[in-house]
Amino acid sequence: MDDSRNLIDEYKGLENEQVFDALETKRTPLEIAIENVEHDFNIGSIVRTANSFNVQKVHIIGKKKYNRRGAMCTDKYLKIEHHPTVEDFLKTQENRELVAIENNTERAKPLNSKIFQPNTTLIFGSENNGITPELLNISHDVRYIESFGSTRSVNVGVAAGIAMYEFARQVIL
């Protein structure tokens, strides 16, 4: 049987639940939180990237629905939790370092100088408005991704990939 899913060979031919269970045995300690992302495709893109890094969990704060097409069915292979409020999300974050990726605040420091802890949750916001002040204020650390062209930031989906890779480079690889 030909398995056309975008899976590495190790998981070809397995049912979705079997893939999930196999990944569950070797999840990375990283969690991802997506708050107030206005463009549904960005959430799907972040979910797909989170699967690639085999994160522990993805939290979606506020808006519950998103365009699953952008996730390319990878949402079947990881835990996704929806939280109606920041307060509800915070109940799941005991003993975790909350690191906001946001360039629109004086608190932000360059991502390249961050030393990640294993129990990190990376937080991303919307393209236009960023992370809400409520969540930004309780974040333990705020980082931005350095830019070398005329644009002051990259797309939030791209930013998530860069930040997840930097975490993986330091903690996993």
N, C-alpha and C. Protein backbone atom coordinates (compact mmCIF):
# COMPACT_ATOMS: atom_id res chain seq x y z
N MET A 1 0.84 -1.19 0.00
CA MET A 1 0.00 0.00 0.00
C MET A 1 0.89 1.25 0.00
N ASP A 2 0.58 2.18 -0.88
CA ASP A 2 1.36 3.41 -0.99
C ASP A 2 0.85 4.42 0.03
N ASP A 3 1.74 4.91 0.86
CA ASP A 3 1.39 5.90 1.88
C ASP A 3 1.92 7.24 1.41
N SER A 4 1.03 8.12 0.99
CA SER A 4 1.45 9.41 0.43
C SER A 4 1.54 10.52 1.47
N ARG A 5 1.33 10.19 2.74
CA ARG A 5 1.42 11.22 3.78
C ARG A 5 2.85 11.72 3.90
N ASN A 6 3.00 12.95 4.32
CA ASN A 6 4.31 13.56 4.50
C ASN A 6 4.91 13.08 5.82
N LEU A 7 5.35 11.83 5.81
CA LEU A 7 5.93 11.20 7.00
C LEU A 7 7.32 10.68 6.67
N ILE A 8 8.19 10.67 7.68
CA ILE A 8 9.48 10.02 7.47
C ILE A 8 9.23 8.52 7.37
N ASP A 9 10.16 7.80 6.76
CA ASP A 9 9.97 6.37 6.46
C ASP A 9 9.58 5.54 7.68
N GLU A 10 10.11 5.90 8.84
CA GLU A 10 9.84 5.16 10.07
C GLU A 10 8.34 5.04 10.37
N TYR A 11 7.55 6.04 9.94
CA TYR A 11 6.13 6.07 10.26
C TYR A 11 5.22 5.72 9.09
N LYS A 12 5.78 5.48 7.91
CA LYS A 12 4.98 5.11 6.74
C LYS A 12 4.24 3.81 7.02
N GLY A 13 3.00 3.76 6.62
CA GLY A 13 2.19 2.55 6.78
C GLY A 13 1.51 2.42 8.13
N LEU A 14 1.85 3.28 9.08
CA LEU A 14 1.20 3.23 10.39
C LEU A 14 -0.08 4.06 10.38
N GLU A 15 -1.02 3.66 11.21
CA GLU A 15 -2.24 4.46 11.41
C GLU A 15 -1.85 5.74 12.14
N ASN A 16 -2.68 6.78 12.01
CA ASN A 16 -2.40 8.07 12.66
C ASN A 16 -2.18 7.91 14.16
N GLU A 17 -2.99 7.09 14.80
CA GLU A 17 -2.86 6.88 16.25
C GLU A 17 -1.53 6.22 16.60
N GLN A 18 -1.07 5.34 15.74
CA GLN A 18 0.22 4.68 15.97
C GLN A 18 1.37 5.68 15.83
N VAL A 19 1.25 6.56 14.87
CA VAL A 19 2.27 7.60 14.70
C VAL A 19 2.29 8.49 15.95
N PHE A 20 1.12 8.93 16.40
CA PHE A 20 1.02 9.74 17.61
C PHE A 20 1.67 9.04 18.79
N ASP A 21 1.33 7.77 19.00
CA ASP A 21 1.86 7.01 20.13
C ASP A 21 3.38 6.87 20.05
N ALA A 22 3.91 6.63 18.87
CA ALA A 22 5.36 6.51 18.70
C ALA A 22 6.06 7.84 19.01
N LEU A 23 5.48 8.94 18.54
CA LEU A 23 6.07 10.25 18.82
C LEU A 23 5.97 10.60 20.30
N GLU A 24 4.90 10.17 20.92
CA GLU A 24 4.67 10.47 22.34
C GLU A 24 5.81 9.94 23.22
N THR A 25 6.45 8.86 22.81
CA THR A 25 7.52 8.27 23.61
C THR A 25 8.81 9.08 23.56
N LYS A 26 8.89 10.04 22.64
CA LYS A 26 10.14 10.81 22.50
C LYS A 26 9.91 12.30 22.25
N ARG A 27 8.86 12.84 22.83
CA ARG A 27 8.57 14.27 22.69
C ARG A 27 9.70 15.11 23.28
N THR A 28 9.90 16.27 22.69
CA THR A 28 10.84 17.23 23.28
C THR A 28 10.11 17.99 24.39
N PRO A 29 10.83 18.61 25.31
CA PRO A 29 10.15 19.30 26.41
C PRO A 29 9.53 20.64 26.01
N LEU A 30 9.76 21.10 24.80
CA LEU A 30 9.26 22.39 24.35
C LEU A 30 7.75 22.39 24.17
N GLU A 31 7.11 23.49 24.59
CA GLU A 31 5.70 23.72 24.30
C GLU A 31 5.58 25.03 23.54
N ILE A 32 4.52 25.15 22.76
CA ILE A 32 4.27 26.33 21.93
C ILE A 32 2.92 26.90 22.32
N ALA A 33 2.85 28.23 22.43
CA ALA A 33 1.58 28.91 22.67
C ALA A 33 1.37 29.92 21.54
N ILE A 34 0.17 29.91 20.99
CA ILE A 34 -0.18 30.83 19.91
C ILE A 34 -1.36 31.64 20.40
N GLU A 35 -1.15 32.95 20.51
CA GLU A 35 -2.20 33.81 21.03
C GLU A 35 -2.67 34.80 19.97
N ASN A 36 -3.98 34.89 19.81
CA ASN A 36 -4.55 35.98 19.04
C ASN A 36 -4.03 36.06 17.60
N VAL A 37 -3.68 34.95 17.00
CA VAL A 37 -3.18 34.98 15.63
C VAL A 37 -4.36 35.18 14.70
N GLU A 38 -4.32 36.25 13.94
CA GLU A 38 -5.46 36.65 13.11
C GLU A 38 -5.56 35.85 11.82
N HIS A 39 -4.46 35.47 11.24
CA HIS A 39 -4.47 34.76 9.97
C HIS A 39 -4.40 33.26 10.25
N ASP A 40 -5.50 32.57 9.98
CA ASP A 40 -5.60 31.16 10.32
C ASP A 40 -4.47 30.33 9.73
N PHE A 41 -4.00 30.67 8.54
CA PHE A 41 -2.94 29.88 7.93
C PHE A 41 -1.69 29.88 8.79
N ASN A 42 -1.42 30.97 9.48
CA ASN A 42 -0.24 31.03 10.34
C ASN A 42 -0.30 30.01 11.47
N ILE A 43 -1.47 29.79 12.04
CA ILE A 43 -1.59 28.79 13.09
C ILE A 43 -1.26 27.41 12.53
N GLY A 44 -1.82 27.08 11.39
CA GLY A 44 -1.55 25.79 10.76
C GLY A 44 -0.07 25.61 10.46
N SER A 45 0.55 26.66 10.01
CA SER A 45 1.98 26.62 9.71
C SER A 45 2.80 26.38 10.98
N ILE A 46 2.42 27.03 12.06
CA ILE A 46 3.13 26.85 13.34
C ILE A 46 2.91 25.43 13.85
N VAL A 47 1.70 24.92 13.73
CA VAL A 47 1.41 23.54 14.16
C VAL A 47 2.26 22.55 13.37
N ARG A 48 2.35 22.75 12.07
CA ARG A 48 3.17 21.85 11.25
C ARG A 48 4.63 21.89 11.69
N THR A 49 5.14 23.07 11.95
CA THR A 49 6.53 23.20 12.40
C THR A 49 6.70 22.58 13.79
N ALA A 50 5.72 22.76 14.66
CA ALA A 50 5.77 22.15 16.00
C ALA A 50 5.85 20.64 15.91
N ASN A 51 5.13 20.06 14.95
CA ASN A 51 5.21 18.62 14.73
C ASN A 51 6.61 18.23 14.29
N SER A 52 7.19 19.02 13.43
CA SER A 52 8.55 18.72 12.94
C SER A 52 9.56 18.68 14.08
N PHE A 53 9.35 19.51 15.10
CA PHE A 53 10.24 19.52 16.26
C PHE A 53 9.71 18.64 17.39
N ASN A 54 8.62 17.92 17.14
CA ASN A 54 8.03 16.98 18.09
C ASN A 54 7.82 17.60 19.47
N VAL A 55 7.20 18.78 19.48
CA VAL A 55 6.99 19.48 20.75
C VAL A 55 6.02 18.72 21.64
N GLN A 56 6.11 19.01 22.91
CA GLN A 56 5.26 18.38 23.93
C GLN A 56 3.78 18.70 23.69
N LYS A 57 3.50 19.98 23.37
CA LYS A 57 2.11 20.41 23.27
C LYS A 57 2.06 21.77 22.57
N VAL A 58 0.93 22.02 21.88
CA VAL A 58 0.65 23.33 21.30
C VAL A 58 -0.60 23.87 21.99
N HIS A 59 -0.50 25.11 22.47
CA HIS A 59 -1.62 25.78 23.12
C HIS A 59 -2.12 26.88 22.17
N ILE A 60 -3.41 26.91 21.94
CA ILE A 60 -4.01 28.00 21.17
C ILE A 60 -4.88 28.78 22.13
N ILE A 61 -4.52 30.06 22.32
CA ILE A 61 -5.19 30.91 23.30
C ILE A 61 -6.14 31.86 22.58
N GLY A 62 -7.39 31.87 22.99
CA GLY A 62 -8.38 32.77 22.39
C GLY A 62 -9.13 32.08 21.27
N LYS A 63 -8.86 32.49 20.06
CA LYS A 63 -9.55 31.97 18.88
C LYS A 63 -9.38 30.46 18.80
N LYS A 64 -10.48 29.75 18.74
CA LYS A 64 -10.40 28.30 18.79
C LYS A 64 -10.18 27.67 17.43
N LYS A 65 -10.84 28.16 16.40
CA LYS A 65 -10.75 27.53 15.09
C LYS A 65 -9.54 28.06 14.33
N TYR A 66 -8.97 27.21 13.52
CA TYR A 66 -7.90 27.62 12.63
C TYR A 66 -7.95 26.77 11.38
N ASN A 67 -7.27 27.21 10.36
CA ASN A 67 -7.26 26.52 9.08
C ASN A 67 -6.32 25.33 9.17
N ARG A 68 -6.88 24.15 9.30
CA ARG A 68 -6.06 22.95 9.46
C ARG A 68 -5.30 22.59 8.19
N ARG A 69 -5.68 23.16 7.06
CA ARG A 69 -4.95 22.89 5.81
C ARG A 69 -3.48 23.28 5.95
N GLY A 70 -3.22 24.38 6.62
CA GLY A 70 -1.85 24.82 6.81
C GLY A 70 -1.03 23.83 7.63
N ALA A 71 -1.70 23.06 8.46
CA ALA A 71 -1.01 22.07 9.30
C ALA A 71 -0.68 20.80 8.51
N MET A 72 -1.27 20.64 7.34
CA MET A 72 -1.01 19.48 6.48
C MET A 72 -1.22 18.15 7.24
N CYS A 73 -2.27 18.08 8.03
CA CYS A 73 -2.65 16.89 8.82
C CYS A 73 -1.69 16.57 9.97
N THR A 74 -0.68 17.39 10.20
CA THR A 74 0.26 17.10 11.28
C THR A 74 -0.37 17.31 12.65
N ASP A 75 -1.52 18.00 12.71
CA ASP A 75 -2.20 18.18 13.98
C ASP A 75 -2.70 16.85 14.56
N LYS A 76 -2.72 15.81 13.74
CA LYS A 76 -3.13 14.48 14.21
C LYS A 76 -2.03 13.81 15.05
N TYR A 77 -0.82 14.34 14.99
CA TYR A 77 0.32 13.67 15.60
C TYR A 77 0.85 14.39 16.84
N LEU A 78 0.14 15.41 17.31
CA LEU A 78 0.58 16.09 18.53
C LEU A 78 -0.60 16.58 19.33
N LYS A 79 -0.33 16.97 20.57
CA LYS A 79 -1.38 17.45 21.47
C LYS A 79 -1.62 18.93 21.21
N ILE A 80 -2.88 19.28 21.00
CA ILE A 80 -3.27 20.68 20.83
C ILE A 80 -4.35 20.97 21.86
N GLU A 81 -4.12 22.00 22.67
CA GLU A 81 -5.11 22.41 23.67
C GLU A 81 -5.58 23.81 23.35
N HIS A 82 -6.88 24.03 23.49
CA HIS A 82 -7.45 25.37 23.31
C HIS A 82 -7.75 25.97 24.68
N HIS A 83 -7.42 27.24 24.82
CA HIS A 83 -7.66 27.96 26.06
C HIS A 83 -8.43 29.24 25.73
N PRO A 84 -9.60 29.44 26.31
CA PRO A 84 -10.37 30.64 25.99
C PRO A 84 -9.72 31.93 26.49
N THR A 85 -8.91 31.81 27.55
CA THR A 85 -8.30 33.01 28.15
C THR A 85 -6.83 32.75 28.49
N VAL A 86 -6.10 33.84 28.68
CA VAL A 86 -4.71 33.75 29.13
C VAL A 86 -4.67 33.08 30.50
N GLU A 87 -5.60 33.43 31.37
CA GLU A 87 -5.66 32.85 32.71
C GLU A 87 -5.78 31.33 32.65
N ASP A 88 -6.64 30.83 31.77
CA ASP A 88 -6.81 29.39 31.61
C ASP A 88 -5.50 28.74 31.12
N PHE A 89 -4.83 29.38 30.16
CA PHE A 89 -3.55 28.89 29.65
C PHE A 89 -2.51 28.82 30.76
N LEU A 90 -2.44 29.85 31.59
CA LEU A 90 -1.42 29.92 32.64
C LEU A 90 -1.54 28.78 33.65
N LYS A 91 -2.72 28.24 33.83
CA LYS A 91 -2.91 27.11 34.74
C LYS A 91 -2.12 25.89 34.30
N THR A 92 -1.74 25.83 33.03
CA THR A 92 -1.00 24.68 32.49
C THR A 92 0.51 24.92 32.46
N GLN A 93 0.96 26.06 32.96
CA GLN A 93 2.35 26.46 32.75
C GLN A 93 3.21 26.52 34.00
N GLU A 94 2.82 25.82 35.03
CA GLU A 94 3.61 25.80 36.27
C GLU A 94 5.00 25.24 36.00
N ASN A 95 6.02 25.88 36.54
CA ASN A 95 7.42 25.46 36.40
C ASN A 95 7.93 25.49 34.96
N ARG A 96 7.35 26.35 34.12
CA ARG A 96 7.81 26.50 32.75
C ARG A 96 8.26 27.94 32.54
N GLU A 97 9.31 28.14 31.75
CA GLU A 97 9.74 29.48 31.40
C GLU A 97 8.96 29.94 30.17
N LEU A 98 8.26 31.04 30.31
CA LEU A 98 7.48 31.60 29.21
C LEU A 98 8.34 32.60 28.45
N VAL A 99 8.62 32.29 27.20
CA VAL A 99 9.48 33.14 26.36
C VAL A 99 8.64 33.66 25.20
N ALA A 100 8.36 34.95 25.24
CA ALA A 100 7.59 35.58 24.17
C ALA A 100 8.53 35.97 23.03
N ILE A 101 8.10 35.69 21.82
CA ILE A 101 8.85 36.12 20.64
C ILE A 101 8.09 37.32 20.09
N GLU A 102 8.64 38.50 20.33
CA GLU A 102 7.93 39.76 20.05
C GLU A 102 8.96 40.87 19.83
N ASN A 103 8.80 41.62 18.76
CA ASN A 103 9.76 42.68 18.49
C ASN A 103 9.23 44.07 18.81
N ASN A 104 8.01 44.16 19.25
CA ASN A 104 7.39 45.46 19.44
C ASN A 104 7.34 45.88 20.91
N THR A 105 8.46 45.73 21.60
CA THR A 105 8.54 46.11 23.01
C THR A 105 9.99 46.39 23.38
N GLU A 106 10.19 47.30 24.30
CA GLU A 106 11.54 47.62 24.75
C GLU A 106 12.17 46.49 25.57
N ARG A 107 11.35 45.59 26.09
CA ARG A 107 11.86 44.46 26.87
C ARG A 107 12.61 43.44 26.02
N ALA A 108 12.34 43.45 24.73
CA ALA A 108 12.88 42.41 23.86
C ALA A 108 14.39 42.49 23.71
N LYS A 109 15.01 41.32 23.78
CA LYS A 109 16.45 41.17 23.55
C LYS A 109 16.64 40.22 22.37
N PRO A 110 17.79 40.24 21.74
CA PRO A 110 18.01 39.37 20.57
C PRO A 110 17.89 37.89 20.91
N LEU A 111 17.28 37.14 20.02
CA LEU A 111 17.13 35.70 20.20
C LEU A 111 18.50 35.02 20.27
N ASN A 112 19.47 35.53 19.53
CA ASN A 112 20.78 34.86 19.47
C ASN A 112 21.52 34.86 20.80
N SER A 113 21.09 35.66 21.77
CA SER A 113 21.75 35.66 23.08
C SER A 113 20.97 34.87 24.13
N LYS A 114 19.87 34.27 23.74
CA LYS A 114 19.04 33.50 24.67
C LYS A 114 19.67 32.14 24.97
N ILE A 115 19.72 31.78 26.24
CA ILE A 115 20.11 30.44 26.65
C ILE A 115 18.83 29.76 27.14
N PHE A 116 18.37 28.77 26.37
CA PHE A 116 17.09 28.12 26.66
C PHE A 116 17.21 27.09 27.77
N GLN A 117 16.14 27.02 28.57
CA GLN A 117 15.95 25.98 29.56
C GLN A 117 15.08 24.90 28.92
N PRO A 118 15.21 23.65 29.32
CA PRO A 118 14.38 22.59 28.71
C PRO A 118 12.87 22.83 28.87
N ASN A 119 12.46 23.36 30.01
CA ASN A 119 11.02 23.53 30.28
C ASN A 119 10.50 24.87 29.75
N THR A 120 10.72 25.13 28.48
CA THR A 120 10.36 26.40 27.86
C THR A 120 9.04 26.29 27.10
N THR A 121 8.26 27.36 27.17
CA THR A 121 7.10 27.53 26.29
C THR A 121 7.35 28.79 25.48
N LEU A 122 7.41 28.64 24.17
CA LEU A 122 7.56 29.78 23.27
C LEU A 122 6.18 30.33 22.96
N ILE A 123 6.03 31.65 23.02
CA ILE A 123 4.74 32.31 22.81
C ILE A 123 4.81 33.18 21.56
N PHE A 124 3.79 33.04 20.71
CA PHE A 124 3.70 33.83 19.48
C PHE A 124 2.34 34.52 19.43
N GLY A 125 2.31 35.70 18.81
CA GLY A 125 1.07 36.46 18.68
C GLY A 125 0.71 36.69 17.23
N SER A 126 -0.15 37.66 17.01
CA SER A 126 -0.64 37.92 15.66
C SER A 126 0.34 38.78 14.86
N GLU A 127 0.18 38.73 13.55
CA GLU A 127 1.01 39.53 12.65
C GLU A 127 0.87 41.02 12.94
N ASN A 128 -0.36 41.48 13.09
CA ASN A 128 -0.60 42.92 13.21
C ASN A 128 -0.45 43.46 14.62
N ASN A 129 -0.95 42.74 15.59
CA ASN A 129 -1.00 43.27 16.96
C ASN A 129 -0.02 42.63 17.92
N GLY A 130 0.64 41.57 17.51
CA GLY A 130 1.59 40.90 18.39
C GLY A 130 0.90 40.20 19.55
N ILE A 131 1.65 40.01 20.60
CA ILE A 131 1.16 39.36 21.81
C ILE A 131 0.46 40.41 22.67
N THR A 132 -0.66 40.03 23.27
CA THR A 132 -1.40 41.00 24.09
C THR A 132 -0.56 41.44 25.28
N PRO A 133 -0.75 42.68 25.74
CA PRO A 133 -0.02 43.15 26.92
C PRO A 133 -0.19 42.24 28.12
N GLU A 134 -1.37 41.66 28.31
CA GLU A 134 -1.63 40.76 29.43
C GLU A 134 -0.64 39.60 29.43
N LEU A 135 -0.45 38.95 28.30
CA LEU A 135 0.45 37.80 28.23
C LEU A 135 1.91 38.25 28.17
N LEU A 136 2.17 39.32 27.50
CA LEU A 136 3.54 39.83 27.40
C LEU A 136 4.07 40.21 28.79
N ASN A 137 3.24 40.81 29.61
CA ASN A 137 3.66 41.26 30.95
C ASN A 137 4.01 40.10 31.88
N ILE A 138 3.41 38.94 31.69
CA ILE A 138 3.73 37.82 32.58
C ILE A 138 4.78 36.89 31.97
N SER A 139 5.20 37.17 30.76
CA SER A 139 6.27 36.37 30.15
C SER A 139 7.56 36.61 30.91
N HIS A 140 8.32 35.55 31.13
CA HIS A 140 9.57 35.66 31.86
C HIS A 140 10.66 36.31 31.03
N ASP A 141 10.60 36.15 29.74
CA ASP A 141 11.62 36.66 28.84
C ASP A 141 10.95 37.03 27.52
N VAL A 142 11.49 38.06 26.87
CA VAL A 142 10.97 38.50 25.57
C VAL A 142 12.15 38.60 24.62
N ARG A 143 12.02 37.97 23.46
CA ARG A 143 13.09 37.93 22.47
C ARG A 143 12.58 38.36 21.10
N TYR A 144 13.47 38.93 20.31
CA TYR A 144 13.13 39.24 18.93
C TYR A 144 14.16 38.57 18.03
N ILE A 145 13.77 38.35 16.79
CA ILE A 145 14.65 37.75 15.80
C ILE A 145 15.29 38.88 15.00
N GLU A 146 16.60 38.89 15.01
CA GLU A 146 17.34 39.94 14.34
C GLU A 146 17.02 39.97 12.85
N SER A 147 16.92 41.18 12.31
CA SER A 147 16.61 41.36 10.89
C SER A 147 17.75 42.15 10.25
N PHE A 148 18.06 41.81 9.01
CA PHE A 148 19.21 42.44 8.34
C PHE A 148 18.81 43.16 7.06
N GLY A 149 17.53 43.17 6.75
CA GLY A 149 17.05 43.86 5.55
C GLY A 149 16.22 45.07 5.96
N SER A 150 15.30 45.47 5.11
CA SER A 150 14.48 46.64 5.38
C SER A 150 13.24 46.33 6.21
N THR A 151 12.85 45.06 6.29
CA THR A 151 11.67 44.67 7.05
C THR A 151 12.08 44.44 8.50
N ARG A 152 11.27 44.94 9.42
CA ARG A 152 11.66 44.83 10.83
C ARG A 152 11.34 43.48 11.43
N SER A 153 10.55 42.65 10.72
CA SER A 153 10.23 41.34 11.27
C SER A 153 9.91 40.35 10.15
N VAL A 154 9.95 39.07 10.52
CA VAL A 154 9.55 38.02 9.60
C VAL A 154 8.12 37.58 9.94
N ASN A 155 7.48 36.86 9.05
CA ASN A 155 6.16 36.30 9.27
C ASN A 155 6.17 35.46 10.55
N VAL A 156 5.06 35.45 11.28
CA VAL A 156 5.01 34.73 12.56
C VAL A 156 5.26 33.23 12.39
N GLY A 157 4.82 32.66 11.29
CA GLY A 157 5.10 31.24 11.04
C GLY A 157 6.59 30.99 10.87
N VAL A 158 7.27 31.90 10.17
CA VAL A 158 8.72 31.79 9.98
C VAL A 158 9.42 32.02 11.32
N ALA A 159 8.96 33.01 12.08
CA ALA A 159 9.56 33.30 13.39
C ALA A 159 9.46 32.08 14.30
N ALA A 160 8.32 31.39 14.26
CA ALA A 160 8.15 30.20 15.09
C ALA A 160 9.17 29.13 14.71
N GLY A 161 9.38 28.93 13.41
CA GLY A 161 10.36 27.95 12.96
C GLY A 161 11.78 28.30 13.40
N ILE A 162 12.13 29.55 13.30
CA ILE A 162 13.47 29.99 13.71
C ILE A 162 13.66 29.78 15.21
N ALA A 163 12.67 30.18 16.00
CA ALA A 163 12.78 30.05 17.46
C ALA A 163 12.80 28.59 17.89
N MET A 164 11.97 27.75 17.26
CA MET A 164 11.98 26.32 17.61
C MET A 164 13.31 25.69 17.26
N TYR A 165 13.88 26.08 16.12
CA TYR A 165 15.18 25.53 15.75
C TYR A 165 16.26 25.95 16.75
N GLU A 166 16.24 27.20 17.17
CA GLU A 166 17.25 27.67 18.14
C GLU A 166 17.10 26.91 19.45
N PHE A 167 15.87 26.68 19.89
CA PHE A 167 15.65 25.85 21.09
C PHE A 167 16.24 24.46 20.87
N ALA A 168 15.89 23.84 19.76
CA ALA A 168 16.36 22.47 19.47
C ALA A 168 17.87 22.42 19.38
N ARG A 169 18.47 23.42 18.77
CA ARG A 169 19.94 23.46 18.64
C ARG A 169 20.61 23.46 20.00
N GLN A 170 20.02 24.17 20.94
CA GLN A 170 20.63 24.27 22.27
C GLN A 170 20.26 23.11 23.20
N VAL A 171 19.03 22.66 23.15
CA VAL A 171 18.54 21.69 24.15
C VAL A 171 18.52 20.26 23.65
N ILE A 172 18.26 20.05 22.37
CA ILE A 172 18.05 18.70 21.86
C ILE A 172 19.24 18.14 21.09
N LEU A 173 19.80 18.96 20.22
CA LEU A 173 20.86 18.46 19.34
C LEU A 173 22.17 18.24 20.06
